[in-house]
C-alpha atoms as a PDB file:
ATOM      1  CA  MET A   1     -31.467   7.135   3.018  1.00  0.00           C
ATOM      2  CA  LYS A   2     -32.906   4.732   0.483  1.00  0.00           C
ATOM      3  CA  THR A   3     -32.207   5.047  -3.212  1.00  0.00           C
ATOM      4  CA  PRO A   4     -35.121   5.175  -5.650  1.00  0.00           C
ATOM      5  CA  GLN A   5     -34.464   1.549  -6.615  1.00  0.00           C
ATOM      6  CA  GLU A   6     -35.009   0.433  -3.025  1.00  0.00           C
ATOM      7  CA  THR A   7     -38.330   2.159  -2.469  1.00  0.00           C
ATOM      8  CA  PRO A   8     -41.478   0.071  -2.943  1.00  0.00           C
ATOM      9  CA  SER A   9     -43.199   2.985  -4.724  1.00  0.00           C
ATOM     10  CA  GLU A  10     -40.764   2.688  -7.651  1.00  0.00           C
ATOM     11  CA  PRO A  11     -40.491  -0.985  -8.637  1.00  0.00           C
ATOM     12  CA  ARG A  12     -38.180  -2.047 -11.424  1.00  0.00           C
ATOM     13  CA  THR A  13     -39.796  -2.117 -14.813  1.00  0.00           C
ATOM     14  CA  ASP A  14     -40.420  -5.391 -16.586  1.00  0.00           C
ATOM     15  CA  THR A  15     -38.125  -4.225 -19.375  1.00  0.00           C
ATOM     16  CA  ALA A  16     -35.190  -3.608 -17.037  1.00  0.00           C
ATOM     17  CA  SER A  17     -35.790  -6.877 -15.230  1.00  0.00           C
ATOM     18  CA  THR A  18     -36.071  -8.806 -18.498  1.00  0.00           C
ATOM     19  CA  HIS A  19     -32.899  -7.192 -19.836  1.00  0.00           C
ATOM     20  CA  GLU A  20     -30.948  -8.073 -16.707  1.00  0.00           C
ATOM     21  CA  ASP A  21     -32.269 -11.636 -16.781  1.00  0.00           C
ATOM     22  CA  ARG A  22     -31.206 -12.035 -20.414  1.00  0.00           C
ATOM     23  CA  VAL A  23     -27.737 -10.684 -19.628  1.00  0.00           C
ATOM     24  CA  ARG A  24     -27.467 -12.947 -16.585  1.00  0.00           C
ATOM     25  CA  ARG A  25     -28.364 -16.032 -18.634  1.00  0.00           C
ATOM     26  CA  ALA A  26     -25.964 -15.128 -21.432  1.00  0.00           C
ATOM     27  CA  ALA A  27     -23.129 -14.493 -18.953  1.00  0.00           C
ATOM     28  CA  TYR A  28     -23.814 -17.840 -17.298  1.00  0.00           C
ATOM     29  CA  GLU A  29     -23.628 -19.606 -20.668  1.00  0.00           C
ATOM     30  CA  LEU A  30     -20.311 -17.906 -21.450  1.00  0.00           C
ATOM     31  CA  ALA A  31     -18.916 -18.938 -18.067  1.00  0.00           C
ATOM     32  CA  GLU A  32     -20.217 -22.466 -18.538  1.00  0.00           C
ATOM     33  CA  ARG A  33     -18.447 -22.776 -21.905  1.00  0.00           C
ATOM     34  CA  ARG A  34     -15.248 -21.637 -20.182  1.00  0.00           C
ATOM     35  CA  GLY A  35     -15.695 -24.334 -17.529  1.00  0.00           C
ATOM     36  CA  PHE A  36     -16.475 -21.683 -14.876  1.00  0.00           C
ATOM     37  CA  ALA A  37     -12.787 -20.715 -14.692  1.00  0.00           C
ATOM     38  CA  PRO A  38     -12.431 -17.931 -12.100  1.00  0.00           C
ATOM     39  CA  GLY A  39     -11.350 -14.415 -13.006  1.00  0.00           C
ATOM     40  CA  TYR A  40     -13.546 -13.877 -16.070  1.00  0.00           C
ATOM     41  CA  GLU A  41     -16.761 -12.749 -14.401  1.00  0.00           C
ATOM     42  CA  LEU A  42     -16.624  -9.124 -15.572  1.00  0.00           C
ATOM     43  CA  GLU A  43     -15.491 -10.103 -19.066  1.00  0.00           C
ATOM     44  CA  ASP A  44     -18.393 -12.567 -19.340  1.00  0.00           C
ATOM     45  CA  TRP A  45     -20.911 -10.014 -18.058  1.00  0.00           C
ATOM     46  CA  LEU A  46     -19.761  -7.310 -20.479  1.00  0.00           C
ATOM     47  CA  ALA A  47     -19.732  -9.734 -23.408  1.00  0.00           C
ATOM     48  CA  ALA A  48     -23.236 -10.857 -22.458  1.00  0.00           C
ATOM     49  CA  GLU A  49     -24.468  -7.254 -22.323  1.00  0.00           C
ATOM     50  CA  LYS A  50     -23.015  -6.631 -25.763  1.00  0.00           C
ATOM     51  CA  GLN A  51     -24.659  -9.799 -27.050  1.00  0.00           C
ATOM     52  CA  VAL A  52     -28.059  -8.878 -25.598  1.00  0.00           C
ATOM     53  CA  LEU A  53     -27.905  -5.314 -26.865  1.00  0.00           C
ATOM     54  CA  GLY A  54     -26.946  -6.450 -30.355  1.00  0.00           C
ATOM     55  CA  ASP A  55     -25.620  -3.754 -32.612  1.00  0.00           C
ATOM     56  CA  SER A  56     -26.926  -0.815 -30.596  1.00  0.00           C
ATOM     57  CA  ALA A  57     -24.631   1.034 -28.224  1.00  0.00           C
ATOM     58  CA  VAL A  58     -25.676   2.524 -24.906  1.00  0.00           C
ATOM     59  CA  ASP A  59     -24.974   6.108 -23.880  1.00  0.00           C
ATOM     60  CA  GLU A  60     -24.024   7.205 -20.364  1.00  0.00           C
ATOM     61  CA  THR A  61     -27.675   7.273 -19.289  1.00  0.00           C
ATOM     62  CA  GLY A  62     -28.237   3.673 -20.369  1.00  0.00           C
ATOM     63  CA  VAL A  63     -30.303   4.613 -23.427  1.00  0.00           C
ATOM     64  CA  PRO A  64     -29.546   2.670 -26.621  1.00  0.00           C
ATOM     65  CA  THR A  65     -28.212   4.834 -29.433  1.00  0.00           C
ATOM     66  CA  GLN A  66     -28.817   4.310 -33.135  1.00  0.00           C
ATOM     67  CA  GLY A  67     -26.152   3.692 -35.764  1.00  0.00           C
ATOM     68  CA  SER A  68     -23.437   2.500 -33.384  1.00  0.00           C
ATOM     69  CA  GLY A  69     -21.638  -0.793 -33.225  1.00  0.00           C
ATOM     70  CA  GLU A  70     -20.499  -3.268 -35.782  1.00  0.00           C
ATOM     71  CA  GLN A  71     -22.787  -4.432 -38.523  1.00  0.00           C
ATOM     72  CA  LYS A  72     -23.128  -8.177 -38.710  1.00  0.00           C
ATOM     73  CA  GLY A  73     -23.753 -10.146 -41.849  1.00  0.00           C
ATOM     74  CA  ASN A  74     -22.750  -7.384 -44.243  1.00  0.00           C
ATOM     75  CA  PRO A  75     -19.397  -7.949 -45.971  1.00  0.00           C
END
């Protein structure tokens, strides 16, 4: 049985694809700075997701929530 993501009638949205691409690029840059040392793949991916999402947190459904996370630039 195919999942909804695999069916041609339900293609990924541009927003989801763009988000994943941004996370992928950010994770690659983090790994590159580390010299591509093995064993940090998950850490780099999670840090990249946090970077891409900015200050907003994500609930269990993947929806950004308001008012969560650290505030940057405010002492």
